[in-house]
Amino acid sequence: MTATPETFDVEAWIKDANLPRESATVYKRADVISKLTALKHRIEIARADDNGERTSGGKSELQRLEEEYVNLLKVFSDSAITVHVRALSRQELRDLREAHTKAMEGKDLKPAEENELFGYDLLAAAIVAVEPAGKPEQPASLTTDQVRALEEAIGATQLTSILAARQTAQNALPTVDADFLHRPSGTSDGSRG
């Protein structure tokens, strides 16, 4: 049977459709990584030298260093924020390009500079939500200036991960990967029987 306007209501089907979304996690306390690296080295040395003796405080130097490491890991992980981005429709892309072109009129910018600024516009339009560590996802709307400030705060490399998520949402076919799910042992297809 062929779907026809009489047998398939396209309008009803697309009513709850959504453009693809992706996400990227970035950290505002990436500066802690250098401290973690140095501390890891000190822990490795302390492990090699640890004879199990306790200091007057009751903890070995190794335990103290390990606790410090765990505390710094918490600082780093608590600074995470997951940024959710979505694909933009063709009309949204056209409108953004048109607005950007008008905004650039009269400015003496090189094409590379103009493209960079348009990239900030695209990313600002694509960001739809943020999810701070340990908190629920919340809707978000960033301006181009806020995206630039974000890049200055977290660095270009971390912003690249958000850009990559936007590219994936915009250009990749939506797929789901369930290969990481645990399969019960003793079965090859995951069924019990």
N, C-alpha and C. Protein backbone atom coordinates (compact mmCIF):
# COMPACT_ATOMS: atom_id res chain seq x y z
N MET A 1 0.84 -1.18 0.00
CA MET A 1 0.00 0.00 0.00
C MET A 1 0.89 1.24 0.00
N THR A 2 0.62 2.15 -0.85
CA THR A 2 1.37 3.38 -0.99
C THR A 2 0.76 4.45 -0.09
N ALA A 3 1.63 5.18 0.63
CA ALA A 3 1.14 6.27 1.47
C ALA A 3 0.69 7.42 0.58
N THR A 4 -0.48 7.90 0.83
CA THR A 4 -1.05 9.03 0.09
C THR A 4 -1.51 10.06 1.12
N PRO A 5 -1.83 11.26 0.67
CA PRO A 5 -2.34 12.26 1.61
C PRO A 5 -3.57 11.76 2.38
N GLU A 6 -4.31 10.84 1.79
CA GLU A 6 -5.50 10.31 2.46
C GLU A 6 -5.14 9.25 3.51
N THR A 7 -4.04 8.53 3.32
CA THR A 7 -3.69 7.44 4.24
C THR A 7 -2.59 7.80 5.23
N PHE A 8 -1.84 8.87 4.97
CA PHE A 8 -0.75 9.26 5.86
C PHE A 8 -0.79 10.76 6.09
N ASP A 9 -0.99 11.17 7.32
CA ASP A 9 -1.08 12.59 7.68
C ASP A 9 0.31 13.11 8.05
N VAL A 10 0.98 13.69 7.07
CA VAL A 10 2.34 14.21 7.28
C VAL A 10 2.35 15.29 8.36
N GLU A 11 1.38 16.16 8.34
CA GLU A 11 1.33 17.25 9.33
C GLU A 11 1.27 16.71 10.76
N ALA A 12 0.50 15.67 10.97
CA ALA A 12 0.42 15.07 12.30
C ALA A 12 1.74 14.41 12.68
N TRP A 13 2.38 13.78 11.71
CA TRP A 13 3.65 13.09 11.98
C TRP A 13 4.75 14.06 12.37
N ILE A 14 4.86 15.19 11.69
CA ILE A 14 5.95 16.13 11.97
C ILE A 14 5.67 17.06 13.15
N LYS A 15 4.48 16.98 13.70
CA LYS A 15 4.11 17.89 14.79
C LYS A 15 5.09 17.83 15.96
N ASP A 16 5.56 16.65 16.32
CA ASP A 16 6.49 16.55 17.45
C ASP A 16 7.91 16.18 17.01
N ALA A 17 8.23 16.44 15.75
CA ALA A 17 9.58 16.18 15.24
C ALA A 17 10.55 17.24 15.77
N ASN A 18 11.79 16.84 15.94
CA ASN A 18 12.83 17.75 16.41
C ASN A 18 14.09 17.57 15.58
N LEU A 19 14.82 18.65 15.39
CA LEU A 19 16.10 18.57 14.70
C LEU A 19 17.09 17.82 15.59
N PRO A 20 18.10 17.19 14.98
CA PRO A 20 19.10 16.43 15.76
C PRO A 20 19.82 17.32 16.77
N ARG A 21 20.18 16.69 17.89
CA ARG A 21 20.95 17.37 18.94
C ARG A 21 22.17 16.54 19.28
N GLU A 22 23.20 17.20 19.74
CA GLU A 22 24.42 16.57 20.24
C GLU A 22 24.86 17.36 21.45
N SER A 23 25.89 16.86 22.12
CA SER A 23 26.39 17.58 23.29
C SER A 23 27.90 17.41 23.41
N ALA A 24 28.49 18.30 24.17
CA ALA A 24 29.92 18.24 24.47
C ALA A 24 30.11 18.71 25.90
N THR A 25 31.00 18.06 26.61
CA THR A 25 31.29 18.46 27.99
C THR A 25 32.61 19.21 28.03
N VAL A 26 32.58 20.37 28.67
CA VAL A 26 33.78 21.20 28.83
C VAL A 26 33.94 21.52 30.31
N TYR A 27 35.13 22.00 30.66
CA TYR A 27 35.48 22.22 32.07
C TYR A 27 36.01 23.63 32.25
N LYS A 28 35.49 24.33 33.26
CA LYS A 28 35.99 25.67 33.50
C LYS A 28 37.25 25.66 34.36
N ARG A 29 37.56 24.53 34.98
CA ARG A 29 38.75 24.44 35.82
C ARG A 29 39.79 23.50 35.21
N ALA A 30 40.05 23.66 33.94
CA ALA A 30 41.08 22.86 33.29
C ALA A 30 42.47 23.19 33.82
N ASP A 31 42.60 24.31 34.51
CA ASP A 31 43.88 24.66 35.12
C ASP A 31 44.31 23.66 36.18
N VAL A 32 43.36 22.90 36.73
CA VAL A 32 43.64 21.92 37.77
C VAL A 32 44.44 20.74 37.22
N ILE A 33 44.36 20.51 35.92
CA ILE A 33 45.03 19.36 35.32
C ILE A 33 46.53 19.40 35.57
N SER A 34 47.14 20.56 35.48
CA SER A 34 48.60 20.64 35.72
C SER A 34 48.93 20.26 37.17
N LYS A 35 48.08 20.67 38.11
CA LYS A 35 48.28 20.30 39.51
C LYS A 35 48.10 18.80 39.69
N LEU A 36 47.11 18.22 39.01
CA LEU A 36 46.88 16.78 39.10
C LEU A 36 48.07 16.01 38.53
N THR A 37 48.62 16.50 37.44
CA THR A 37 49.77 15.83 36.82
C THR A 37 50.97 15.85 37.76
N ALA A 38 51.24 17.00 38.36
CA ALA A 38 52.37 17.11 39.29
C ALA A 38 52.13 16.25 40.53
N LEU A 39 50.90 16.25 41.00
CA LEU A 39 50.56 15.46 42.18
C LEU A 39 50.65 13.96 41.89
N LYS A 40 50.26 13.56 40.71
CA LYS A 40 50.37 12.15 40.31
C LYS A 40 51.84 11.71 40.38
N HIS A 41 52.72 12.56 39.89
CA HIS A 41 54.15 12.24 39.93
C HIS A 41 54.63 12.09 41.38
N ARG A 42 54.18 13.00 42.24
CA ARG A 42 54.57 12.92 43.66
C ARG A 42 54.01 11.66 44.31
N ILE A 43 52.80 11.27 43.93
CA ILE A 43 52.20 10.04 44.47
C ILE A 43 52.99 8.81 44.04
N GLU A 44 53.40 8.78 42.77
CA GLU A 44 54.19 7.65 42.27
C GLU A 44 55.50 7.53 43.04
N ILE A 45 56.13 8.66 43.32
CA ILE A 45 57.38 8.64 44.09
C ILE A 45 57.09 8.18 45.52
N ALA A 46 56.02 8.70 46.11
CA ALA A 46 55.67 8.33 47.48
C ALA A 46 55.32 6.85 47.59
N ARG A 47 54.68 6.30 46.57
CA ARG A 47 54.35 4.87 46.58
C ARG A 47 55.63 4.03 46.55
N ALA A 48 56.58 4.47 45.77
CA ALA A 48 57.84 3.73 45.70
C ALA A 48 58.59 3.80 47.03
N ASP A 49 58.45 4.91 47.75
CA ASP A 49 59.16 5.11 49.02
C ASP A 49 58.35 4.72 50.25
N ASP A 50 57.03 4.48 50.08
CA ASP A 50 56.15 4.25 51.24
C ASP A 50 56.53 2.98 51.98
N ASN A 51 56.78 3.15 53.25
CA ASN A 51 57.08 1.99 54.09
C ASN A 51 55.96 1.75 55.10
N GLY A 52 54.85 2.46 54.91
CA GLY A 52 53.70 2.26 55.77
C GLY A 52 53.78 2.99 57.09
N GLU A 53 54.84 3.77 57.33
CA GLU A 53 54.96 4.49 58.59
C GLU A 53 54.00 5.66 58.60
N ARG A 54 53.45 5.92 59.75
CA ARG A 54 52.50 7.01 59.91
C ARG A 54 53.22 8.23 60.48
N THR A 55 52.73 9.40 60.07
CA THR A 55 53.25 10.63 60.65
C THR A 55 52.56 10.84 61.98
N SER A 56 52.95 11.90 62.67
CA SER A 56 52.34 12.16 63.98
C SER A 56 50.84 12.39 63.86
N GLY A 57 50.39 12.83 62.71
CA GLY A 57 48.96 13.06 62.49
C GLY A 57 48.20 11.79 62.18
N GLY A 58 48.87 10.68 62.04
CA GLY A 58 48.20 9.41 61.80
C GLY A 58 48.09 9.03 60.33
N LYS A 59 48.53 9.87 59.42
CA LYS A 59 48.43 9.56 58.00
C LYS A 59 49.82 9.53 57.40
N SER A 60 50.02 8.64 56.48
CA SER A 60 51.28 8.64 55.76
C SER A 60 51.26 9.75 54.72
N GLU A 61 52.41 10.13 54.29
CA GLU A 61 52.52 11.15 53.24
C GLU A 61 51.75 10.70 52.00
N LEU A 62 51.81 9.42 51.69
CA LEU A 62 51.11 8.88 50.53
C LEU A 62 49.60 9.09 50.67
N GLN A 63 49.05 8.79 51.81
CA GLN A 63 47.61 8.99 52.02
C GLN A 63 47.23 10.46 51.87
N ARG A 64 48.03 11.33 52.42
CA ARG A 64 47.76 12.76 52.31
C ARG A 64 47.75 13.21 50.85
N LEU A 65 48.74 12.75 50.09
CA LEU A 65 48.82 13.11 48.67
C LEU A 65 47.62 12.55 47.89
N GLU A 66 47.25 11.30 48.19
CA GLU A 66 46.10 10.70 47.51
C GLU A 66 44.81 11.44 47.81
N GLU A 67 44.63 11.88 49.06
CA GLU A 67 43.44 12.65 49.42
C GLU A 67 43.43 13.99 48.68
N GLU A 68 44.59 14.61 48.59
CA GLU A 68 44.70 15.87 47.86
C GLU A 68 44.34 15.67 46.39
N TYR A 69 44.80 14.56 45.83
CA TYR A 69 44.50 14.23 44.43
C TYR A 69 42.99 14.06 44.23
N VAL A 70 42.36 13.31 45.11
CA VAL A 70 40.91 13.09 45.03
C VAL A 70 40.15 14.42 45.14
N ASN A 71 40.59 15.29 46.05
CA ASN A 71 39.94 16.59 46.20
C ASN A 71 40.07 17.43 44.93
N LEU A 72 41.25 17.40 44.30
CA LEU A 72 41.43 18.14 43.06
C LEU A 72 40.61 17.54 41.92
N LEU A 73 40.49 16.21 41.90
CA LEU A 73 39.64 15.57 40.89
C LEU A 73 38.20 16.05 41.03
N LYS A 74 37.75 16.21 42.26
CA LYS A 74 36.39 16.69 42.50
C LYS A 74 36.23 18.13 42.00
N VAL A 75 37.24 18.97 42.27
CA VAL A 75 37.20 20.35 41.77
C VAL A 75 37.05 20.34 40.25
N PHE A 76 37.85 19.50 39.59
CA PHE A 76 37.81 19.42 38.13
C PHE A 76 36.46 18.91 37.65
N SER A 77 35.99 17.79 38.19
CA SER A 77 34.73 17.22 37.72
C SER A 77 33.53 18.11 38.03
N ASP A 78 33.58 18.81 39.16
CA ASP A 78 32.48 19.72 39.51
C ASP A 78 32.44 20.94 38.59
N SER A 79 33.51 21.21 37.88
CA SER A 79 33.55 22.37 36.98
C SER A 79 33.01 22.04 35.59
N ALA A 80 32.55 20.82 35.41
CA ALA A 80 32.06 20.39 34.09
C ALA A 80 30.71 21.02 33.77
N ILE A 81 30.52 21.27 32.51
CA ILE A 81 29.21 21.66 32.01
C ILE A 81 29.04 21.00 30.65
N THR A 82 27.89 20.39 30.46
CA THR A 82 27.59 19.78 29.17
C THR A 82 26.76 20.79 28.38
N VAL A 83 27.25 21.10 27.20
CA VAL A 83 26.57 22.06 26.33
C VAL A 83 25.83 21.28 25.26
N HIS A 84 24.53 21.51 25.15
CA HIS A 84 23.69 20.83 24.16
C HIS A 84 23.46 21.76 22.98
N VAL A 85 23.69 21.23 21.80
CA VAL A 85 23.51 22.00 20.57
C VAL A 85 22.56 21.24 19.65
N ARG A 86 21.95 21.97 18.74
CA ARG A 86 21.06 21.33 17.78
C ARG A 86 21.38 21.79 16.38
N ALA A 87 20.93 20.99 15.43
CA ALA A 87 21.07 21.37 14.03
C ALA A 87 20.18 22.59 13.77
N LEU A 88 20.56 23.37 12.82
CA LEU A 88 19.76 24.52 12.42
C LEU A 88 19.07 24.20 11.10
N SER A 89 17.86 24.67 10.96
CA SER A 89 17.12 24.44 9.71
C SER A 89 17.73 25.27 8.59
N ARG A 90 17.39 24.91 7.36
CA ARG A 90 17.91 25.69 6.22
C ARG A 90 17.50 27.14 6.32
N GLN A 91 16.26 27.38 6.73
CA GLN A 91 15.79 28.76 6.85
C GLN A 91 16.56 29.51 7.93
N GLU A 92 16.82 28.85 9.06
CA GLU A 92 17.60 29.50 10.12
C GLU A 92 19.00 29.84 9.62
N LEU A 93 19.60 28.92 8.86
CA LEU A 93 20.94 29.17 8.31
C LEU A 93 20.91 30.35 7.35
N ARG A 94 19.90 30.40 6.48
CA ARG A 94 19.77 31.53 5.54
C ARG A 94 19.60 32.84 6.29
N ASP A 95 18.72 32.84 7.30
CA ASP A 95 18.48 34.05 8.08
C ASP A 95 19.74 34.52 8.81
N LEU A 96 20.49 33.55 9.36
CA LEU A 96 21.74 33.91 10.03
C LEU A 96 22.74 34.52 9.06
N ARG A 97 22.86 33.90 7.89
CA ARG A 97 23.80 34.40 6.88
C ARG A 97 23.41 35.81 6.44
N GLU A 98 22.12 36.03 6.23
CA GLU A 98 21.63 37.34 5.82
C GLU A 98 21.91 38.39 6.90
N ALA A 99 21.61 38.07 8.15
CA ALA A 99 21.85 39.01 9.26
C ALA A 99 23.34 39.29 9.41
N HIS A 100 24.15 38.25 9.24
CA HIS A 100 25.60 38.42 9.36
C HIS A 100 26.14 39.31 8.24
N THR A 101 25.67 39.08 7.03
CA THR A 101 26.11 39.89 5.88
C THR A 101 25.77 41.35 6.11
N LYS A 102 24.57 41.62 6.59
CA LYS A 102 24.16 43.01 6.87
C LYS A 102 25.03 43.62 7.96
N ALA A 103 25.33 42.84 9.00
CA ALA A 103 26.15 43.34 10.12
C ALA A 103 27.58 43.63 9.67
N MET A 104 28.06 42.95 8.65
CA MET A 104 29.43 43.12 8.19
C MET A 104 29.59 44.24 7.17
N GLU A 105 28.47 44.78 6.66
CA GLU A 105 28.54 45.85 5.67
C GLU A 105 29.31 47.04 6.23
N GLY A 106 30.24 47.52 5.44
CA GLY A 106 31.02 48.68 5.83
C GLY A 106 32.21 48.37 6.71
N LYS A 107 32.34 47.14 7.14
CA LYS A 107 33.49 46.78 7.97
C LYS A 107 34.58 46.25 7.05
N ASP A 108 35.77 46.64 7.34
CA ASP A 108 36.90 46.25 6.50
C ASP A 108 37.55 44.99 7.10
N LEU A 109 36.91 43.84 6.89
CA LEU A 109 37.42 42.58 7.42
C LEU A 109 37.87 41.66 6.30
N LYS A 110 38.87 40.88 6.60
CA LYS A 110 39.31 39.85 5.66
C LYS A 110 38.28 38.73 5.66
N PRO A 111 38.18 37.97 4.58
CA PRO A 111 37.21 36.87 4.53
C PRO A 111 37.36 35.87 5.68
N ALA A 112 38.58 35.59 6.08
CA ALA A 112 38.80 34.65 7.19
C ALA A 112 38.23 35.20 8.49
N GLU A 113 38.39 36.51 8.70
CA GLU A 113 37.84 37.14 9.91
C GLU A 113 36.32 37.12 9.89
N GLU A 114 35.74 37.38 8.73
CA GLU A 114 34.29 37.34 8.59
C GLU A 114 33.74 35.94 8.85
N ASN A 115 34.43 34.94 8.30
CA ASN A 115 34.00 33.55 8.51
C ASN A 115 34.09 33.16 9.98
N GLU A 116 35.13 33.62 10.65
CA GLU A 116 35.27 33.32 12.08
C GLU A 116 34.11 33.91 12.87
N LEU A 117 33.76 35.16 12.56
CA LEU A 117 32.64 35.80 13.25
C LEU A 117 31.33 35.09 12.95
N PHE A 118 31.16 34.63 11.71
CA PHE A 118 29.94 33.89 11.37
C PHE A 118 29.90 32.57 12.13
N GLY A 119 31.05 31.96 12.36
CA GLY A 119 31.11 30.73 13.15
C GLY A 119 30.58 30.94 14.57
N TYR A 120 30.92 32.09 15.17
CA TYR A 120 30.38 32.41 16.49
C TYR A 120 28.86 32.57 16.43
N ASP A 121 28.38 33.21 15.36
CA ASP A 121 26.92 33.36 15.19
C ASP A 121 26.24 32.00 15.10
N LEU A 122 26.82 31.11 14.30
CA LEU A 122 26.25 29.76 14.14
C LEU A 122 26.20 29.01 15.47
N LEU A 123 27.31 29.07 16.19
CA LEU A 123 27.37 28.33 17.45
C LEU A 123 26.39 28.91 18.47
N ALA A 124 26.31 30.22 18.54
CA ALA A 124 25.37 30.85 19.47
C ALA A 124 23.93 30.42 19.15
N ALA A 125 23.59 30.36 17.88
CA ALA A 125 22.24 29.95 17.50
C ALA A 125 21.98 28.48 17.77
N ALA A 126 23.03 27.66 17.73
CA ALA A 126 22.86 26.21 17.89
C ALA A 126 22.77 25.77 19.35
N ILE A 127 23.32 26.55 20.26
CA ILE A 127 23.29 26.16 21.68
C ILE A 127 21.87 26.31 22.21
N VAL A 128 21.34 25.21 22.73
CA VAL A 128 19.95 25.22 23.20
C VAL A 128 19.81 24.91 24.69
N ALA A 129 20.82 24.31 25.29
CA ALA A 129 20.72 23.95 26.71
C ALA A 129 22.11 23.74 27.29
N VAL A 130 22.19 23.85 28.61
CA VAL A 130 23.41 23.53 29.34
C VAL A 130 23.02 22.63 30.51
N GLU A 131 24.00 21.85 30.93
CA GLU A 131 23.79 20.93 32.05
C GLU A 131 25.01 20.97 32.95
N PRO A 132 24.99 21.86 33.96
CA PRO A 132 26.12 21.92 34.88
C PRO A 132 26.27 20.60 35.64
N ALA A 133 27.48 20.29 36.06
CA ALA A 133 27.74 19.04 36.79
C ALA A 133 26.79 18.89 37.96
N GLY A 134 26.12 17.74 38.02
CA GLY A 134 25.23 17.43 39.13
C GLY A 134 23.90 18.15 39.11
N LYS A 135 23.61 18.86 38.06
CA LYS A 135 22.35 19.60 37.97
C LYS A 135 21.61 19.19 36.71
N PRO A 136 20.30 19.40 36.68
CA PRO A 136 19.54 19.01 35.49
C PRO A 136 19.82 19.94 34.31
N GLU A 137 19.52 19.44 33.13
CA GLU A 137 19.64 20.24 31.91
C GLU A 137 18.67 21.42 32.00
N GLN A 138 19.15 22.57 31.53
CA GLN A 138 18.30 23.75 31.51
C GLN A 138 18.45 24.48 30.17
N PRO A 139 17.36 25.03 29.67
CA PRO A 139 17.44 25.74 28.39
C PRO A 139 18.45 26.88 28.48
N ALA A 140 19.12 27.14 27.38
CA ALA A 140 20.10 28.22 27.35
C ALA A 140 20.08 28.90 25.99
N SER A 141 20.38 30.17 26.01
CA SER A 141 20.48 30.95 24.79
C SER A 141 21.67 31.88 24.97
N LEU A 142 22.68 31.71 24.14
CA LEU A 142 23.89 32.52 24.25
C LEU A 142 23.98 33.50 23.09
N THR A 143 24.53 34.66 23.38
CA THR A 143 24.80 35.62 22.33
C THR A 143 26.16 35.30 21.72
N THR A 144 26.44 35.91 20.59
CA THR A 144 27.74 35.74 19.95
C THR A 144 28.85 36.20 20.89
N ASP A 145 28.65 37.30 21.58
CA ASP A 145 29.66 37.80 22.53
C ASP A 145 29.87 36.82 23.68
N GLN A 146 28.80 36.16 24.13
CA GLN A 146 28.95 35.17 25.20
C GLN A 146 29.71 33.94 24.72
N VAL A 147 29.52 33.56 23.47
CA VAL A 147 30.27 32.43 22.92
C VAL A 147 31.75 32.79 22.86
N ARG A 148 32.05 34.01 22.45
CA ARG A 148 33.45 34.46 22.43
C ARG A 148 34.04 34.47 23.84
N ALA A 149 33.26 34.95 24.81
CA ALA A 149 33.73 34.98 26.20
C ALA A 149 33.95 33.56 26.71
N LEU A 150 33.09 32.65 26.32
CA LEU A 150 33.24 31.24 26.69
C LEU A 150 34.56 30.70 26.16
N GLU A 151 34.85 31.01 24.90
CA GLU A 151 36.11 30.57 24.30
C GLU A 151 37.31 31.14 25.05
N GLU A 152 37.24 32.41 25.42
CA GLU A 152 38.33 33.03 26.17
C GLU A 152 38.51 32.37 27.53
N ALA A 153 37.40 31.96 28.15
CA ALA A 153 37.46 31.38 29.49
C ALA A 153 37.96 29.94 29.49
N ILE A 154 37.52 29.14 28.52
CA ILE A 154 37.85 27.70 28.54
C ILE A 154 38.90 27.31 27.51
N GLY A 155 39.19 28.21 26.58
CA GLY A 155 40.19 27.93 25.56
C GLY A 155 39.59 27.42 24.26
N ALA A 156 40.30 27.67 23.19
CA ALA A 156 39.83 27.31 21.86
C ALA A 156 39.67 25.81 21.68
N THR A 157 40.54 25.03 22.31
CA THR A 157 40.47 23.57 22.15
C THR A 157 39.18 23.02 22.70
N GLN A 158 38.77 23.47 23.89
CA GLN A 158 37.51 22.98 24.45
C GLN A 158 36.32 23.49 23.64
N LEU A 159 36.39 24.72 23.15
CA LEU A 159 35.29 25.23 22.32
C LEU A 159 35.17 24.39 21.06
N THR A 160 36.30 23.87 20.57
CA THR A 160 36.28 23.01 19.39
C THR A 160 35.42 21.78 19.60
N SER A 161 35.38 21.26 20.83
CA SER A 161 34.53 20.08 21.08
C SER A 161 33.06 20.44 20.96
N ILE A 162 32.69 21.66 21.33
CA ILE A 162 31.30 22.10 21.16
C ILE A 162 31.02 22.31 19.67
N LEU A 163 31.98 22.88 18.96
CA LEU A 163 31.83 23.06 17.51
C LEU A 163 31.67 21.72 16.81
N ALA A 164 32.44 20.73 17.24
CA ALA A 164 32.34 19.39 16.64
C ALA A 164 30.97 18.78 16.90
N ALA A 165 30.43 19.00 18.09
CA ALA A 165 29.08 18.50 18.39
C ALA A 165 28.06 19.18 17.48
N ARG A 166 28.23 20.48 17.24
CA ARG A 166 27.32 21.20 16.35
C ARG A 166 27.42 20.66 14.93
N GLN A 167 28.63 20.39 14.48
CA GLN A 167 28.84 19.84 13.14
C GLN A 167 28.17 18.47 13.01
N THR A 168 28.31 17.64 14.04
CA THR A 168 27.69 16.32 14.02
C THR A 168 26.17 16.44 13.97
N ALA A 169 25.63 17.31 14.82
CA ALA A 169 24.16 17.50 14.83
C ALA A 169 23.69 18.00 13.47
N GLN A 170 24.46 18.88 12.86
CA GLN A 170 24.06 19.50 11.60
C GLN A 170 24.22 18.57 10.41
N ASN A 171 25.27 17.75 10.40
CA ASN A 171 25.63 17.04 9.17
C ASN A 171 25.55 15.53 9.22
N ALA A 172 25.52 14.94 10.40
CA ALA A 172 25.53 13.48 10.48
C ALA A 172 24.10 12.93 10.55
N LEU A 173 23.94 11.75 10.00
CA LEU A 173 22.65 11.07 10.14
C LEU A 173 22.49 10.64 11.59
N PRO A 174 21.31 10.84 12.16
CA PRO A 174 21.11 10.42 13.55
C PRO A 174 21.25 8.91 13.68
N THR A 175 22.09 8.48 14.61
CA THR A 175 22.29 7.05 14.87
C THR A 175 22.32 6.83 16.37
N VAL A 176 22.06 5.61 16.76
CA VAL A 176 22.11 5.23 18.17
C VAL A 176 23.07 4.06 18.30
N ASP A 177 23.93 4.11 19.31
CA ASP A 177 24.89 3.04 19.54
C ASP A 177 24.54 2.37 20.86
N ALA A 178 24.08 1.14 20.79
CA ALA A 178 23.74 0.40 22.01
C ALA A 178 24.77 -0.69 22.30
N ASP A 179 25.87 -0.71 21.55
CA ASP A 179 26.89 -1.74 21.74
C ASP A 179 27.51 -1.72 23.12
N PHE A 180 27.49 -0.56 23.79
CA PHE A 180 28.11 -0.48 25.10
C PHE A 180 27.25 -1.10 26.19
N LEU A 181 25.98 -1.40 25.90
CA LEU A 181 25.11 -1.98 26.92
C LEU A 181 25.59 -3.36 27.32
N HIS A 182 25.44 -3.68 28.55
CA HIS A 182 25.88 -4.96 29.10
C HIS A 182 24.99 -6.09 28.58
N ARG A 183 25.60 -7.15 28.13
CA ARG A 183 24.86 -8.35 27.72
C ARG A 183 25.05 -9.42 28.80
N PRO A 184 23.98 -10.10 29.16
CA PRO A 184 24.14 -11.15 30.16
C PRO A 184 25.14 -12.21 29.66
N SER A 185 25.95 -12.73 30.55
CA SER A 185 26.94 -13.72 30.14
C SER A 185 26.26 -15.02 29.73
N GLY A 186 26.88 -15.71 28.83
CA GLY A 186 26.35 -17.02 28.38
C GLY A 186 25.45 -16.93 27.18
N THR A 187 25.19 -15.71 26.71
CA THR A 187 24.35 -15.59 25.50
C THR A 187 25.08 -14.71 24.51
N SER A 188 24.89 -15.00 23.27
CA SER A 188 25.54 -14.17 22.25
C SER A 188 24.63 -13.04 21.78
N ASP A 189 23.33 -13.22 21.89
CA ASP A 189 22.41 -12.18 21.40
C ASP A 189 21.79 -11.37 22.52
N GLY A 190 22.19 -11.63 23.75
CA GLY A 190 21.67 -10.88 24.87
C GLY A 190 20.37 -11.39 25.43
N SER A 191 19.79 -12.40 24.79
CA SER A 191 18.52 -12.94 25.29
C SER A 191 18.78 -14.04 26.29
N ARG A 192 17.86 -14.23 27.15
CA ARG A 192 17.96 -15.31 28.14
C ARG A 192 17.05 -16.43 27.68
N GLY A 193 17.57 -17.57 27.69
CA GLY A 193 16.65 -18.57 27.21
C GLY A 193 17.18 -19.89 27.33
